[in-house]
């Protein structure tokens, strides 16, 4: 019986470490954005049903679920944390949107964003310079980018929501 408890305890410790350390390794914020803030961010991008949203560092998948359920979007989450990927898939299944949600495990800098109509990014300001180069290179004209709590220094902001600290850009 002690062996079973030991294995369970070890499993919990490994999952907890993966939950915390993988995003921290990439310098991602440890907390997800509030649903009210997510809704506001998506509203500001003026989404059209059927468009595709990419969430960079998708965490629990809350952005993906809201994008599909409330805005009729297709959604792609790119997440480095393996535990977060599993939770995102469970959230998509639980909310009955898994047919319109795809989760990619890995570093979003290595993902191709050319099919994105909207990009959602809740990262740290350290990502601004590097991310803007990738977005400029890969996004199609007319694609929108919404960032939470950080800006893209060389892009002209289209909309700034001071209350929620949201920046919207258009390529």
C-alpha atoms as a PDB file:
ATOM      1  CA  UNK A   1       0.000   0.000   0.000  1.00  0.00           C
ATOM      2  CA  UNK A   2       2.872   2.367   0.775  1.00  0.00           C
ATOM      3  CA  UNK A   3       4.258   1.766  -2.698  1.00  0.00           C
ATOM      4  CA  UNK A   4       0.957   2.837  -4.276  1.00  0.00           C
ATOM      5  CA  UNK A   5       0.876   6.035  -2.202  1.00  0.00           C
ATOM      6  CA  UNK A   6       4.519   6.651  -3.063  1.00  0.00           C
ATOM      7  CA  UNK A   7       3.845   6.282  -6.796  1.00  0.00           C
ATOM      8  CA  UNK A   8       0.797   8.579  -6.573  1.00  0.00           C
ATOM      9  CA  UNK A   9       2.789  11.171  -4.610  1.00  0.00           C
ATOM     10  CA  UNK A  10       5.643  11.004  -7.130  1.00  0.00           C
ATOM     11  CA  UNK A  11       3.188  11.406 -10.003  1.00  0.00           C
ATOM     12  CA  UNK A  12       1.625  14.469  -8.372  1.00  0.00           C
ATOM     13  CA  UNK A  13       5.043  16.012  -7.768  1.00  0.00           C
ATOM     14  CA  UNK A  14       6.144  15.426 -11.375  1.00  0.00           C
ATOM     15  CA  UNK A  15       2.904  16.915 -12.758  1.00  0.00           C
ATOM     16  CA  UNK A  16       3.210  19.935 -10.441  1.00  0.00           C
ATOM     17  CA  UNK A  17       6.812  20.505 -11.485  1.00  0.00           C
ATOM     18  CA  UNK A  18       5.936  20.242 -15.167  1.00  0.00           C
ATOM     19  CA  UNK A  19       3.002  22.627 -14.607  1.00  0.00           C
ATOM     20  CA  UNK A  20       5.275  25.244 -13.072  1.00  0.00           C
ATOM     21  CA  UNK A  21       8.717  24.734 -14.583  1.00  0.00           C
ATOM     22  CA  UNK A  22       8.000  24.333 -18.303  1.00  0.00           C
ATOM     23  CA  UNK A  23       6.192  27.694 -18.695  1.00  0.00           C
ATOM     24  CA  UNK A  24       8.719  29.340 -16.362  1.00  0.00           C
ATOM     25  CA  UNK A  25      11.543  28.039 -18.561  1.00  0.00           C
ATOM     26  CA  UNK A  26       9.970  29.880 -21.513  1.00  0.00           C
ATOM     27  CA  UNK A  27       9.328  33.000 -19.414  1.00  0.00           C
ATOM     28  CA  UNK A  28       5.554  32.791 -19.723  1.00  0.00           C
ATOM     29  CA  UNK A  29       3.162  34.308 -17.187  1.00  0.00           C
ATOM     30  CA  UNK A  30       2.129  31.715 -14.575  1.00  0.00           C
ATOM     31  CA  UNK A  31      -1.529  32.774 -14.458  1.00  0.00           C
ATOM     32  CA  UNK A  32      -4.233  32.839 -17.073  1.00  0.00           C
ATOM     33  CA  UNK A  33      -6.208  35.879 -18.074  1.00  0.00           C
ATOM     34  CA  UNK A  34      -9.696  36.458 -16.666  1.00  0.00           C
ATOM     35  CA  UNK A  35     -12.562  35.453 -18.949  1.00  0.00           C
ATOM     36  CA  UNK A  36     -13.893  39.032 -18.992  1.00  0.00           C
ATOM     37  CA  UNK A  37     -10.522  40.234 -20.268  1.00  0.00           C
ATOM     38  CA  UNK A  38     -10.397  37.468 -22.899  1.00  0.00           C
ATOM     39  CA  UNK A  39     -13.862  38.401 -24.184  1.00  0.00           C
ATOM     40  CA  UNK A  40     -12.924  42.065 -24.389  1.00  0.00           C
ATOM     41  CA  UNK A  41      -9.688  41.253 -26.208  1.00  0.00           C
ATOM     42  CA  UNK A  42     -11.508  39.161 -28.790  1.00  0.00           C
ATOM     43  CA  UNK A  43     -14.263  41.758 -29.243  1.00  0.00           C
ATOM     44  CA  UNK A  44     -11.639  44.392 -30.045  1.00  0.00           C
ATOM     45  CA  UNK A  45     -10.324  42.286 -32.957  1.00  0.00           C
ATOM     46  CA  UNK A  46     -13.754  42.384 -34.652  1.00  0.00           C
ATOM     47  CA  UNK A  47     -13.806  38.612 -35.281  1.00  0.00           C
ATOM     48  CA  UNK A  48     -15.825  37.029 -38.081  1.00  0.00           C
ATOM     49  CA  UNK A  49     -17.293  33.542 -37.675  1.00  0.00           C
ATOM     50  CA  UNK A  50     -15.094  30.945 -39.351  1.00  0.00           C
ATOM     51  CA  UNK A  51     -11.846  32.864 -38.919  1.00  0.00           C
ATOM     52  CA  UNK A  52      -8.904  31.179 -37.232  1.00  0.00           C
ATOM     53  CA  UNK A  53      -7.457  32.361 -33.935  1.00  0.00           C
ATOM     54  CA  UNK A  54      -4.019  31.327 -32.701  1.00  0.00           C
ATOM     55  CA  UNK A  55      -3.325  31.571 -28.968  1.00  0.00           C
ATOM     56  CA  UNK A  56       0.408  31.733 -28.248  1.00  0.00           C
ATOM     57  CA  UNK A  57       1.030  30.038 -24.919  1.00  0.00           C
ATOM     58  CA  UNK A  58      -2.541  28.782 -24.645  1.00  0.00           C
ATOM     59  CA  UNK A  59      -2.298  27.426 -21.100  1.00  0.00           C
ATOM     60  CA  UNK A  60      -5.628  25.973 -19.929  1.00  0.00           C
ATOM     61  CA  UNK A  61      -7.343  26.693 -23.247  1.00  0.00           C
ATOM     62  CA  UNK A  62      -9.816  29.266 -21.937  1.00  0.00           C
ATOM     63  CA  UNK A  63      -9.162  31.615 -24.873  1.00  0.00           C
ATOM     64  CA  UNK A  64      -9.725  28.761 -27.321  1.00  0.00           C
ATOM     65  CA  UNK A  65     -13.042  27.744 -25.767  1.00  0.00           C
ATOM     66  CA  UNK A  66     -14.364  31.322 -25.632  1.00  0.00           C
ATOM     67  CA  UNK A  67     -13.223  31.985 -29.217  1.00  0.00           C
ATOM     68  CA  UNK A  68     -15.144  28.983 -30.520  1.00  0.00           C
ATOM     69  CA  UNK A  69     -18.251  29.090 -28.299  1.00  0.00           C
ATOM     70  CA  UNK A  70     -18.877  32.829 -28.242  1.00  0.00           C
ATOM     71  CA  UNK A  71     -17.364  34.088 -31.503  1.00  0.00           C
ATOM     72  CA  UNK A  72     -17.660  31.129 -33.900  1.00  0.00           C
ATOM     73  CA  UNK A  73     -13.941  30.986 -34.572  1.00  0.00           C
ATOM     74  CA  UNK A  74     -11.677  28.035 -35.246  1.00  0.00           C
ATOM     75  CA  UNK A  75      -8.897  27.982 -32.675  1.00  0.00           C
ATOM     76  CA  UNK A  76      -5.313  26.770 -32.474  1.00  0.00           C
ATOM     77  CA  UNK A  77      -3.486  26.765 -29.161  1.00  0.00           C
ATOM     78  CA  UNK A  78       0.280  26.539 -29.053  1.00  0.00           C
ATOM     79  CA  UNK A  79       1.564  25.524 -25.629  1.00  0.00           C
ATOM     80  CA  UNK A  80       4.961  24.369 -24.366  1.00  0.00           C
ATOM     81  CA  UNK A  81       3.703  22.810 -21.121  1.00  0.00           C
ATOM     82  CA  UNK A  82       2.614  19.175 -21.495  1.00  0.00           C
ATOM     83  CA  UNK A  83       0.238  19.347 -18.518  1.00  0.00           C
ATOM     84  CA  UNK A  84      -1.374  22.504 -19.914  1.00  0.00           C
ATOM     85  CA  UNK A  85      -1.835  20.788 -23.302  1.00  0.00           C
ATOM     86  CA  UNK A  86      -3.731  17.944 -21.658  1.00  0.00           C
ATOM     87  CA  UNK A  87      -5.884  20.369 -19.662  1.00  0.00           C
ATOM     88  CA  UNK A  88      -6.622  22.371 -22.829  1.00  0.00           C
ATOM     89  CA  UNK A  89      -7.777  19.226 -24.622  1.00  0.00           C
ATOM     90  CA  UNK A  90      -9.959  18.272 -21.668  1.00  0.00           C
ATOM     91  CA  UNK A  91     -11.464  21.792 -21.582  1.00  0.00           C
ATOM     92  CA  UNK A  92     -12.222  21.632 -25.309  1.00  0.00           C
ATOM     93  CA  UNK A  93     -13.898  18.221 -24.884  1.00  0.00           C
ATOM     94  CA  UNK A  94     -15.837  19.294 -21.785  1.00  0.00           C
ATOM     95  CA  UNK A  95     -17.112  22.400 -23.586  1.00  0.00           C
ATOM     96  CA  UNK A  96     -17.957  20.408 -26.730  1.00  0.00           C
ATOM     97  CA  UNK A  97     -15.716  22.468 -29.011  1.00  0.00           C
ATOM     98  CA  UNK A  98     -12.933  19.958 -29.673  1.00  0.00           C
ATOM     99  CA  UNK A  99     -13.862  19.696 -33.373  1.00  0.00           C
ATOM    100  CA  UNK A 100     -12.906  23.375 -33.800  1.00  0.00           C
ATOM    101  CA  UNK A 101      -9.875  23.414 -31.485  1.00  0.00           C
ATOM    102  CA  UNK A 102      -6.376  22.152 -32.229  1.00  0.00           C
ATOM    103  CA  UNK A 103      -3.635  22.074 -29.593  1.00  0.00           C
ATOM    104  CA  UNK A 104      -0.017  22.102 -30.720  1.00  0.00           C
ATOM    105  CA  UNK A 105       2.562  21.099 -28.144  1.00  0.00           C
ATOM    106  CA  UNK A 106       5.722  23.129 -28.485  1.00  0.00           C
ATOM    107  CA  UNK A 107       7.388  26.488 -28.813  1.00  0.00           C
ATOM    108  CA  UNK A 108       5.252  28.977 -30.749  1.00  0.00           C
ATOM    109  CA  UNK A 109       8.379  30.510 -32.287  1.00  0.00           C
ATOM    110  CA  UNK A 110       8.747  27.258 -34.213  1.00  0.00           C
ATOM    111  CA  UNK A 111       5.094  27.170 -35.311  1.00  0.00           C
ATOM    112  CA  UNK A 112       3.843  28.580 -38.577  1.00  0.00           C
ATOM    113  CA  UNK A 113       1.298  31.371 -38.097  1.00  0.00           C
ATOM    114  CA  UNK A 114       0.469  32.041 -41.751  1.00  0.00           C
ATOM    115  CA  UNK A 115      -3.115  30.729 -41.395  1.00  0.00           C
ATOM    116  CA  UNK A 116      -3.937  32.991 -38.452  1.00  0.00           C
ATOM    117  CA  UNK A 117      -6.592  35.654 -38.862  1.00  0.00           C
ATOM    118  CA  UNK A 118      -6.251  36.638 -35.203  1.00  0.00           C
ATOM    119  CA  UNK A 119      -3.344  36.085 -32.823  1.00  0.00           C
ATOM    120  CA  UNK A 120      -3.883  36.287 -29.055  1.00  0.00           C
ATOM    121  CA  UNK A 121      -0.755  36.670 -26.920  1.00  0.00           C
ATOM    122  CA  UNK A 122      -0.619  37.015 -23.150  1.00  0.00           C
ATOM    123  CA  UNK A 123       3.111  36.995 -22.591  1.00  0.00           C
ATOM    124  CA  UNK A 124       5.701  39.157 -20.881  1.00  0.00           C
ATOM    125  CA  UNK A 125       7.181  42.337 -22.373  1.00  0.00           C
ATOM    126  CA  UNK A 126      10.396  40.425 -23.079  1.00  0.00           C
ATOM    127  CA  UNK A 127       8.571  38.789 -26.005  1.00  0.00           C
ATOM    128  CA  UNK A 128       7.599  42.012 -27.782  1.00  0.00           C
ATOM    129  CA  UNK A 129      10.677  42.580 -29.943  1.00  0.00           C
ATOM    130  CA  UNK A 130      11.207  38.997 -31.021  1.00  0.00           C
ATOM    131  CA  UNK A 131       7.509  38.252 -31.541  1.00  0.00           C
ATOM    132  CA  UNK A 132       6.855  41.296 -33.733  1.00  0.00           C
ATOM    133  CA  UNK A 133       9.480  40.090 -36.223  1.00  0.00           C
ATOM    134  CA  UNK A 134       7.865  36.665 -36.469  1.00  0.00           C
ATOM    135  CA  UNK A 135       4.387  38.144 -36.850  1.00  0.00           C
ATOM    136  CA  UNK A 136       5.505  40.607 -39.529  1.00  0.00           C
ATOM    137  CA  UNK A 137       7.154  37.800 -41.496  1.00  0.00           C
ATOM    138  CA  UNK A 138       4.375  35.189 -41.230  1.00  0.00           C
ATOM    139  CA  UNK A 139       0.981  36.888 -40.877  1.00  0.00           C
ATOM    140  CA  UNK A 140      -1.155  37.610 -43.916  1.00  0.00           C
ATOM    141  CA  UNK A 141      -2.334  41.152 -44.614  1.00  0.00           C
ATOM    142  CA  UNK A 142      -5.364  42.075 -42.515  1.00  0.00           C
ATOM    143  CA  UNK A 143      -4.524  39.671 -39.698  1.00  0.00           C
ATOM    144  CA  UNK A 144      -5.100  41.109 -36.234  1.00  0.00           C
ATOM    145  CA  UNK A 145      -2.945  40.691 -33.157  1.00  0.00           C
ATOM    146  CA  UNK A 146      -4.154  41.317 -29.626  1.00  0.00           C
ATOM    147  CA  UNK A 147      -1.599  41.413 -26.838  1.00  0.00           C
ATOM    148  CA  UNK A 148      -2.331  41.456 -23.132  1.00  0.00           C
ATOM    149  CA  UNK A 149      -0.085  43.548 -20.876  1.00  0.00           C
ATOM    150  CA  UNK A 150       2.678  44.112 -23.427  1.00  0.00           C
ATOM    151  CA  UNK A 151       3.093  45.947 -26.688  1.00  0.00           C
ATOM    152  CA  UNK A 152       4.836  45.394 -29.994  1.00  0.00           C
ATOM    153  CA  UNK A 153       7.263  48.338 -29.970  1.00  0.00           C
ATOM    154  CA  UNK A 154       7.618  48.821 -33.743  1.00  0.00           C
ATOM    155  CA  UNK A 155       3.963  48.284 -34.706  1.00  0.00           C
ATOM    156  CA  UNK A 156       1.406  51.071 -34.668  1.00  0.00           C
ATOM    157  CA  UNK A 157      -1.320  50.196 -32.190  1.00  0.00           C
ATOM    158  CA  UNK A 158      -4.833  50.359 -33.707  1.00  0.00           C
ATOM    159  CA  UNK A 159      -6.735  50.100 -30.424  1.00  0.00           C
ATOM    160  CA  UNK A 160      -5.557  50.458 -26.838  1.00  0.00           C
ATOM    161  CA  UNK A 161      -7.881  49.461 -24.005  1.00  0.00           C
ATOM    162  CA  UNK A 162      -6.365  51.062 -20.913  1.00  0.00           C
ATOM    163  CA  UNK A 163      -8.788  49.399 -18.470  1.00  0.00           C
ATOM    164  CA  UNK A 164      -7.850  45.864 -19.533  1.00  0.00           C
ATOM    165  CA  UNK A 165      -4.338  46.722 -20.807  1.00  0.00           C
ATOM    166  CA  UNK A 166      -5.028  45.335 -24.284  1.00  0.00           C
ATOM    167  CA  UNK A 167      -3.251  46.308 -27.489  1.00  0.00           C
ATOM    168  CA  UNK A 168      -4.712  45.517 -30.906  1.00  0.00           C
ATOM    169  CA  UNK A 169      -2.638  45.632 -34.078  1.00  0.00           C
ATOM    170  CA  UNK A 170      -3.435  44.975 -37.724  1.00  0.00           C
ATOM    171  CA  UNK A 171      -0.992  43.834 -40.359  1.00  0.00           C
END
